[in-house]
Amino acid sequence: MGLFLVLFPDHNNNDSSSSYSPAKTTFRSKLSSRLLLSKAESTISSCIILLFLTLFLFTLSTFEEPSSRFPAISSPHRRFLLNRNIISRRFALQGMGTLFLRGTKSMHDLIIAHIASVTTENDLRLFIRLLHRSGVTSKSDVVLLFNSPSSTTRFTELIEQENNSFLKLVHVHRNDSMTSSSSSSSSSSEPVIWGKKSRHRANYNSNELTHGSIVGFDVTELDPENSLSGFMDQVPLSLRRWACYPMLLGRVRRSFKHVILVDAKTSFFIGDPFTRIRNRSPDSVLFFFSKHKNASEVNPEILIGGAKGIRRLSSSMHTEIVRATMMKKNSVTEVTESVVLSQLVGNVHMTKNFQVVLSESVVPEAN
């Protein structure tokens, strides 16, 4: 008995496999896209985490940096240099000027001495020494107005030497007159910074020796734009100082009642000149005449008055300098301070905002 086999091709299987292949391909592509998307999301998340971590560490490093700098200065030499720089950079007023000597209390009188470029070291030394010995610094503060920043640097050592000599005398006087009560009162009250008022005066001893502050400014700080340079080629300090006074006196107008404008080269103090003006109104200004000048010319080397009057005088003088310069623009003659000041004093309309007081006496000259 024989067996007969008939073999047919597997068409159904091929059709089924071919029918399922597109579905498998679509599923695989979706799976791969999901894997890529998840990898991209994880990568982006890792980058964001690293970015925030970097910012956090940077913030911590910036907070820790100032505290870690100061302990690093451990050597005595470097510590001395740091303290020296801090002391030498003591500002006098609102980030400007230099505080040479700190006063024991706030004062109501102010002396502004301008130091021209022709002033020598001997001139300034004599001026400061007589200023201390006259006793006027016991009731007033002193402002030194320099011609340039280089002049401030050149005279700094000289000013410190004279102030140290003066402080030695003050220290000797305090040691001689010190008592138990005065020592307790002096320890409880701290020295007043230039330009600030003393609020605690309950334990103040009237017998204690006091002195005012000595500060310095240069004209580039108070007149940074050199406002008169557009009207003349070279502006001397005798004229430019009038552009500096309004800014300086405007910032300390509530601290001082009387002001003296003086030339450090030609003027010296042998007493208290504020006695001539203390009983007058705040807007009054006292003018003097010189021996070797005409009777109608005012001496600009020293002016005394109330703080309000001096401030208004300086503003009017600044305007008058500009007007006189414009009138003599094509003239050969130069504009001088004494002529402009004399014209200002003689002009009734320009002196309405301050009271003019003409002194019958002249300023004695030093021989």
Protein backbone atom coordinates (compact mmCIF):
# COMPACT_ATOMS: atom_id res chain seq x y z
CA MET A 1 0.00 0.00 0.00
CA GLY A 2 1.55 3.12 -1.11
CA LEU A 3 1.52 6.69 0.46
CA PHE A 4 0.99 9.66 -1.71
CA LEU A 5 1.87 13.09 -0.31
CA VAL A 6 0.92 16.35 -1.88
CA LEU A 7 2.95 19.38 -0.78
CA PHE A 8 1.52 22.92 -1.11
CA PRO A 9 3.48 26.15 -0.63
CA ASP A 10 2.95 28.00 2.63
CA HIS A 11 1.18 31.08 1.24
CA ASN A 12 -0.81 31.73 4.38
CA ASN A 13 2.24 32.00 6.58
CA ASN A 14 3.97 34.37 4.23
CA ASP A 15 0.92 36.51 3.99
CA SER A 16 0.53 36.65 7.74
CA SER A 17 4.17 37.50 8.31
CA SER A 18 4.07 40.12 5.63
CA SER A 19 0.92 41.55 7.13
CA TYR A 20 2.46 41.76 10.60
CA SER A 21 5.80 43.28 9.52
CA PRO A 22 4.56 46.91 9.15
CA ALA A 23 3.02 46.77 12.61
CA LYS A 24 6.25 45.54 14.10
CA THR A 25 8.17 48.29 12.33
CA THR A 26 5.81 50.96 13.61
CA PHE A 27 6.03 49.61 17.15
CA ARG A 28 9.80 49.52 17.03
CA SER A 29 10.00 53.10 15.71
CA LYS A 30 7.67 54.32 18.46
CA LEU A 31 9.72 52.49 21.05
CA SER A 32 12.98 53.97 19.78
CA SER A 33 11.51 57.49 19.68
CA ARG A 34 10.30 57.10 23.25
CA LEU A 35 13.75 55.95 24.31
CA LEU A 36 15.36 58.94 22.58
CA LEU A 37 12.84 61.30 24.16
CA SER A 38 13.46 59.90 27.62
CA LYS A 39 17.23 60.14 27.12
CA ALA A 40 16.88 63.74 25.93
CA GLU A 41 14.71 64.62 28.94
CA SER A 42 17.18 63.03 31.32
CA THR A 43 20.07 64.87 29.66
CA ILE A 44 18.26 68.21 29.87
CA SER A 45 17.35 67.56 33.51
CA SER A 46 20.96 66.75 34.31
CA CYS A 47 22.15 69.96 32.62
CA ILE A 48 19.62 72.04 34.55
CA ILE A 49 20.63 70.43 37.83
CA LEU A 50 24.31 71.08 37.08
CA LEU A 51 23.53 74.69 36.19
CA PHE A 52 21.66 75.34 39.44
CA LEU A 53 24.37 73.57 41.41
CA THR A 54 27.04 75.73 39.79
CA LEU A 55 25.10 78.91 40.58
CA PHE A 56 24.59 77.78 44.16
CA LEU A 57 28.28 77.04 44.67
CA PHE A 58 29.23 80.37 43.09
CA THR A 59 26.88 82.20 45.45
CA LEU A 60 28.39 80.45 48.44
CA SER A 61 31.90 81.30 47.28
CA THR A 62 31.05 84.98 46.94
CA PHE A 63 29.62 85.10 50.47
CA GLU A 64 32.61 83.36 51.95
CA GLU A 65 35.21 85.39 50.06
CA PRO A 66 35.17 88.63 52.16
CA SER A 67 35.38 86.72 55.42
CA SER A 68 38.25 84.63 54.14
CA ARG A 69 40.31 87.56 52.94
CA PHE A 70 40.93 89.25 56.26
CA PRO A 71 42.30 86.22 58.16
CA ALA A 72 44.73 85.66 55.30
CA ILE A 73 46.55 88.87 56.30
CA SER A 74 48.41 87.38 59.20
CA SER A 75 51.85 88.91 59.08
CA PRO A 76 52.38 92.06 61.18
CA HIS A 77 53.96 93.87 58.25
CA ARG A 78 50.99 93.34 55.98
CA ARG A 79 48.59 94.25 58.78
CA PHE A 80 50.50 97.48 59.33
CA LEU A 81 50.29 98.34 55.65
CA LEU A 82 46.55 97.68 55.66
CA ASN A 83 45.95 99.92 58.68
CA ARG A 84 48.17 102.59 57.22
CA ASN A 85 46.22 102.66 53.97
CA ILE A 86 42.92 102.86 55.85
CA ILE A 87 44.16 105.76 57.97
CA SER A 88 45.63 107.62 55.01
CA ARG A 89 42.36 107.27 53.11
CA ARG A 90 40.15 108.78 55.81
CA PHE A 91 37.71 110.95 53.93
CA ALA A 92 36.68 114.33 55.24
CA LEU A 93 33.20 114.72 53.81
CA GLN A 94 31.00 112.37 51.78
CA GLY A 95 33.85 110.50 50.13
CA MET A 96 35.92 113.62 49.43
CA GLY A 97 38.92 115.28 51.01
CA THR A 98 41.30 114.07 53.69
CA LEU A 99 40.89 114.16 57.46
CA PHE A 100 44.26 115.22 58.87
CA LEU A 101 43.22 115.81 62.49
CA ARG A 102 40.07 114.68 64.25
CA GLY A 103 38.53 117.26 66.55
CA THR A 104 37.46 116.60 70.11
CA LYS A 105 33.97 118.01 69.50
CA SER A 106 31.87 119.75 66.89
CA MET A 107 32.62 123.42 66.26
CA HIS A 108 30.47 126.31 65.08
CA ASP A 109 33.22 128.33 63.37
CA LEU A 110 35.09 127.40 60.20
CA ILE A 111 38.37 128.65 58.70
CA ILE A 112 38.93 128.00 54.99
CA ALA A 113 42.53 128.63 53.94
CA HIS A 114 43.44 128.34 50.27
CA ILE A 115 46.98 127.22 49.43
CA ALA A 116 48.18 128.51 46.08
CA SER A 117 50.89 126.89 43.99
CA VAL A 118 53.40 129.57 45.05
CA THR A 119 52.99 128.62 48.72
CA THR A 120 56.15 127.01 50.07
CA GLU A 121 56.51 124.46 52.84
CA ASN A 122 57.85 127.12 55.20
CA ASP A 123 54.81 129.31 54.51
CA LEU A 124 52.36 126.52 55.29
CA ARG A 125 54.34 125.36 58.33
CA LEU A 126 54.31 128.86 59.79
CA PHE A 127 50.61 129.26 59.06
CA ILE A 128 49.61 126.00 60.78
CA ARG A 129 51.94 126.57 63.72
CA LEU A 130 50.60 130.06 64.41
CA LEU A 131 47.09 128.77 63.84
CA HIS A 132 47.50 126.28 66.69
CA ARG A 133 49.26 128.73 68.99
CA SER A 134 46.71 131.49 68.48
CA GLY A 135 44.04 129.39 70.15
CA VAL A 136 41.55 129.83 67.32
CA THR A 137 41.52 126.07 66.66
CA SER A 138 40.00 125.52 70.10
CA LYS A 139 36.73 126.96 68.79
CA SER A 140 36.85 126.32 65.05
CA ASP A 141 37.55 123.72 62.38
CA VAL A 142 40.05 124.31 59.59
CA VAL A 143 39.73 123.47 55.89
CA LEU A 144 42.83 123.59 53.69
CA LEU A 145 42.00 124.12 50.01
CA PHE A 146 44.81 122.87 47.76
CA ASN A 147 45.52 123.80 44.17
CA SER A 148 45.80 120.19 42.94
CA PRO A 149 45.95 116.60 44.23
CA SER A 150 49.74 116.69 43.93
CA SER A 151 49.84 119.64 46.33
CA THR A 152 47.82 117.63 48.83
CA THR A 153 50.33 114.78 48.62
CA ARG A 154 53.28 117.16 48.88
CA PHE A 155 52.05 118.88 52.05
CA THR A 156 50.54 115.86 53.81
CA GLU A 157 53.68 114.93 55.75
CA LEU A 158 54.22 118.53 56.84
CA ILE A 159 50.65 118.86 58.09
CA GLU A 160 50.90 115.59 60.01
CA GLN A 161 54.14 116.71 61.65
CA GLU A 162 52.63 119.96 62.87
CA ASN A 163 49.49 118.21 64.08
CA ASN A 164 51.55 115.62 65.96
CA SER A 165 53.53 118.37 67.66
CA PHE A 166 50.30 120.08 68.65
CA LEU A 167 48.80 116.83 69.96
CA LYS A 168 51.88 116.24 72.11
CA LEU A 169 51.28 119.57 73.82
CA VAL A 170 47.62 118.71 74.27
CA HIS A 171 48.57 115.33 75.73
CA VAL A 172 50.93 116.95 78.23
CA HIS A 173 48.21 119.38 79.30
CA ARG A 174 45.71 116.56 79.74
CA ASN A 175 48.12 114.52 81.84
CA ASP A 176 48.79 117.51 84.10
CA SER A 177 45.12 118.39 84.60
CA MET A 178 43.66 114.88 84.57
CA THR A 179 41.55 113.84 87.55
CA SER A 180 39.51 110.77 88.33
CA SER A 181 36.27 112.47 87.36
CA SER A 182 37.62 113.86 84.14
CA SER A 183 39.15 110.55 83.12
CA SER A 184 35.83 108.77 83.55
CA SER A 185 34.01 111.40 81.54
CA SER A 186 36.58 111.35 78.76
CA SER A 187 36.41 107.59 78.45
CA SER A 188 32.64 107.64 78.10
CA SER A 189 32.61 110.20 75.31
CA GLU A 190 34.18 109.37 71.98
CA PRO A 191 35.80 112.02 69.77
CA VAL A 192 33.44 113.54 67.25
CA ILE A 193 34.04 112.96 63.55
CA TRP A 194 34.43 116.04 61.34
CA GLY A 195 31.10 117.35 60.20
CA LYS A 196 28.93 115.56 62.80
CA LYS A 197 27.24 116.88 65.88
CA SER A 198 27.95 115.72 69.42
CA ARG A 199 24.81 114.32 71.02
CA HIS A 200 26.19 113.30 74.40
CA ARG A 201 27.39 116.33 76.35
CA ALA A 202 26.05 115.50 79.77
CA ASN A 203 29.44 114.46 81.10
CA TYR A 204 31.41 117.09 79.21
CA ASN A 205 34.10 118.82 81.26
CA SER A 206 34.40 122.55 80.51
CA ASN A 207 38.01 122.60 81.72
CA GLU A 208 39.10 120.00 79.20
CA LEU A 209 41.32 121.23 76.39
CA THR A 210 39.49 120.99 73.06
CA HIS A 211 40.50 121.47 69.45
CA GLY A 212 38.80 121.39 66.10
CA SER A 213 39.34 119.22 63.07
CA ILE A 214 41.77 119.92 60.24
CA VAL A 215 40.74 118.63 56.83
CA GLY A 216 41.92 119.18 53.29
CA PHE A 217 40.31 119.34 49.86
CA ASP A 218 41.70 119.96 46.42
CA VAL A 219 39.88 122.05 43.85
CA THR A 220 39.30 119.06 41.55
CA GLU A 221 37.01 117.55 44.20
CA LEU A 222 34.89 120.64 44.80
CA ASP A 223 35.03 121.94 41.22
CA PRO A 224 35.61 118.83 39.08
CA GLU A 225 34.53 120.44 35.80
CA ASN A 226 36.62 123.60 36.31
CA SER A 227 33.63 125.81 35.57
CA LEU A 228 35.77 128.87 34.77
CA SER A 229 37.95 127.11 32.19
CA GLY A 230 35.49 127.95 29.43
CA PHE A 231 36.02 131.67 30.00
CA MET A 232 39.80 131.83 30.44
CA ASP A 233 42.80 129.74 29.43
CA GLN A 234 44.46 129.40 32.82
CA VAL A 235 42.36 129.69 35.95
CA PRO A 236 44.40 130.66 39.03
CA LEU A 237 43.44 129.40 42.47
CA SER A 238 42.57 132.93 43.56
CA LEU A 239 39.63 132.81 41.13
CA ARG A 240 38.83 129.10 41.05
CA ARG A 241 38.39 128.96 44.82
CA TRP A 242 35.19 130.97 44.44
CA ALA A 243 33.75 128.11 42.42
CA CYS A 244 34.61 125.67 45.24
CA TYR A 245 33.09 127.58 48.15
CA PRO A 246 29.40 127.18 47.20
CA MET A 247 29.67 123.39 47.06
CA LEU A 248 31.66 123.12 50.29
CA LEU A 249 29.61 125.60 52.30
CA GLY A 250 26.39 124.16 50.93
CA ARG A 251 27.18 120.72 52.32
CA VAL A 252 28.15 122.00 55.79
CA ARG A 253 25.67 124.87 56.03
CA ARG A 254 23.94 123.37 59.08
CA SER A 255 27.16 122.77 60.99
CA PHE A 256 28.81 126.20 61.12
CA LYS A 257 27.66 129.70 61.98
CA HIS A 258 30.71 131.79 61.05
CA VAL A 259 33.31 131.40 58.30
CA ILE A 260 36.69 132.97 57.52
CA LEU A 261 38.25 132.91 54.05
CA VAL A 262 42.00 133.42 54.27
CA ASP A 263 45.17 133.07 52.21
CA ALA A 264 47.61 130.68 53.88
CA LYS A 265 50.66 132.36 52.33
CA THR A 266 50.04 135.98 53.27
CA SER A 267 47.89 135.75 56.42
CA PHE A 268 48.63 134.60 59.96
CA PHE A 269 46.54 134.35 63.12
CA ILE A 270 47.63 135.96 66.36
CA GLY A 271 44.23 135.91 68.06
CA ASP A 272 40.57 135.07 67.52
CA PRO A 273 39.24 137.09 64.54
CA PHE A 274 35.72 135.73 64.97
CA THR A 275 35.09 138.25 67.76
CA ARG A 276 34.50 140.88 65.07
CA ILE A 277 31.52 139.06 63.60
CA ARG A 278 29.91 136.94 66.33
CA ASN A 279 27.36 139.57 67.32
CA ARG A 280 26.29 140.35 63.76
CA SER A 281 23.62 138.80 61.55
CA PRO A 282 24.29 135.48 59.78
CA ASP A 283 24.21 137.14 56.33
CA SER A 284 26.77 139.84 57.11
CA VAL A 285 30.29 139.87 55.62
CA LEU A 286 33.19 141.97 56.91
CA PHE A 287 35.56 143.43 54.29
CA PHE A 288 39.00 144.93 54.93
CA PHE A 289 41.30 147.22 52.97
CA SER A 290 45.05 146.91 52.46
CA LYS A 291 47.63 149.61 53.06
CA HIS A 292 49.38 149.37 49.70
CA LYS A 293 46.22 149.32 47.59
CA ASN A 294 43.74 151.95 46.57
CA ALA A 295 41.14 152.96 49.10
CA SER A 296 38.39 151.62 46.87
CA GLU A 297 39.92 148.13 46.50
CA VAL A 298 38.92 145.41 48.94
CA ASN A 299 41.51 143.05 50.36
CA PRO A 300 40.54 139.52 49.20
CA GLU A 301 43.13 137.78 51.37
CA ILE A 302 40.86 137.67 54.42
CA LEU A 303 37.07 137.81 54.65
CA ILE A 304 35.00 137.21 57.78
CA GLY A 305 31.26 136.73 58.02
CA GLY A 306 28.31 134.57 58.83
CA ALA A 307 28.04 131.23 57.08
CA LYS A 308 25.00 132.36 55.12
CA GLY A 309 26.64 135.62 54.05
CA ILE A 310 29.90 133.98 52.96
CA ARG A 311 28.02 131.35 50.99
CA ARG A 312 25.98 133.98 49.16
CA LEU A 313 29.08 136.09 48.61
CA SER A 314 30.89 133.17 46.99
CA SER A 315 28.00 132.54 44.60
CA SER A 316 27.82 136.21 43.63
CA MET A 317 31.59 136.37 43.26
CA HIS A 318 31.55 133.39 40.93
CA THR A 319 28.98 135.10 38.73
CA GLU A 320 30.88 138.38 38.81
CA ILE A 321 34.11 136.67 37.71
CA VAL A 322 32.35 135.23 34.67
CA ARG A 323 30.83 138.61 33.81
CA ALA A 324 34.15 140.44 34.17
CA THR A 325 35.92 137.83 32.06
CA MET A 326 33.36 138.14 29.27
CA MET A 327 33.67 141.93 29.29
CA LYS A 328 37.48 141.78 29.07
CA LYS A 329 37.63 138.87 26.66
CA ASN A 330 39.34 140.91 23.93
CA SER A 331 41.29 143.05 26.38
CA VAL A 332 44.96 142.65 27.23
CA THR A 333 44.46 143.22 30.96
CA GLU A 334 43.80 140.18 33.10
CA VAL A 335 40.96 139.77 35.54
CA THR A 336 42.24 140.10 39.11
CA GLU A 337 40.51 138.98 42.25
CA SER A 338 40.78 142.29 44.10
CA VAL A 339 39.27 144.28 41.23
CA VAL A 340 36.35 141.88 40.79
CA LEU A 341 35.66 141.78 44.53
CA SER A 342 35.78 145.57 44.76
CA GLN A 343 33.34 145.89 41.87
CA LEU A 344 31.04 143.38 43.53
CA VAL A 345 31.06 145.22 46.86
CA GLY A 346 30.32 148.50 45.08
CA ASN A 347 27.41 147.03 43.13
CA VAL A 348 24.23 147.48 45.14
CA HIS A 349 22.20 145.05 43.04
CA MET A 350 24.74 142.23 43.45
CA THR A 351 24.93 142.62 47.24
CA LYS A 352 21.22 142.46 48.00
CA ASN A 353 21.38 138.90 49.30
CA PHE A 354 24.10 139.61 51.89
CA GLN A 355 25.02 142.50 54.16
CA VAL A 356 28.24 144.37 53.41
CA VAL A 357 30.20 145.57 56.44
CA LEU A 358 33.24 147.71 55.61
CA SER A 359 35.88 147.77 58.31
CA GLU A 360 37.53 151.08 59.04
CA SER A 361 40.76 149.36 60.07
CA VAL A 362 43.19 147.70 57.70
CA VAL A 363 44.71 144.28 58.07
CA PRO A 364 48.23 144.59 59.50
CA GLU A 365 50.88 142.98 57.35
CA ALA A 366 53.48 140.61 58.71
CA ASN A 367 57.07 141.75 58.39
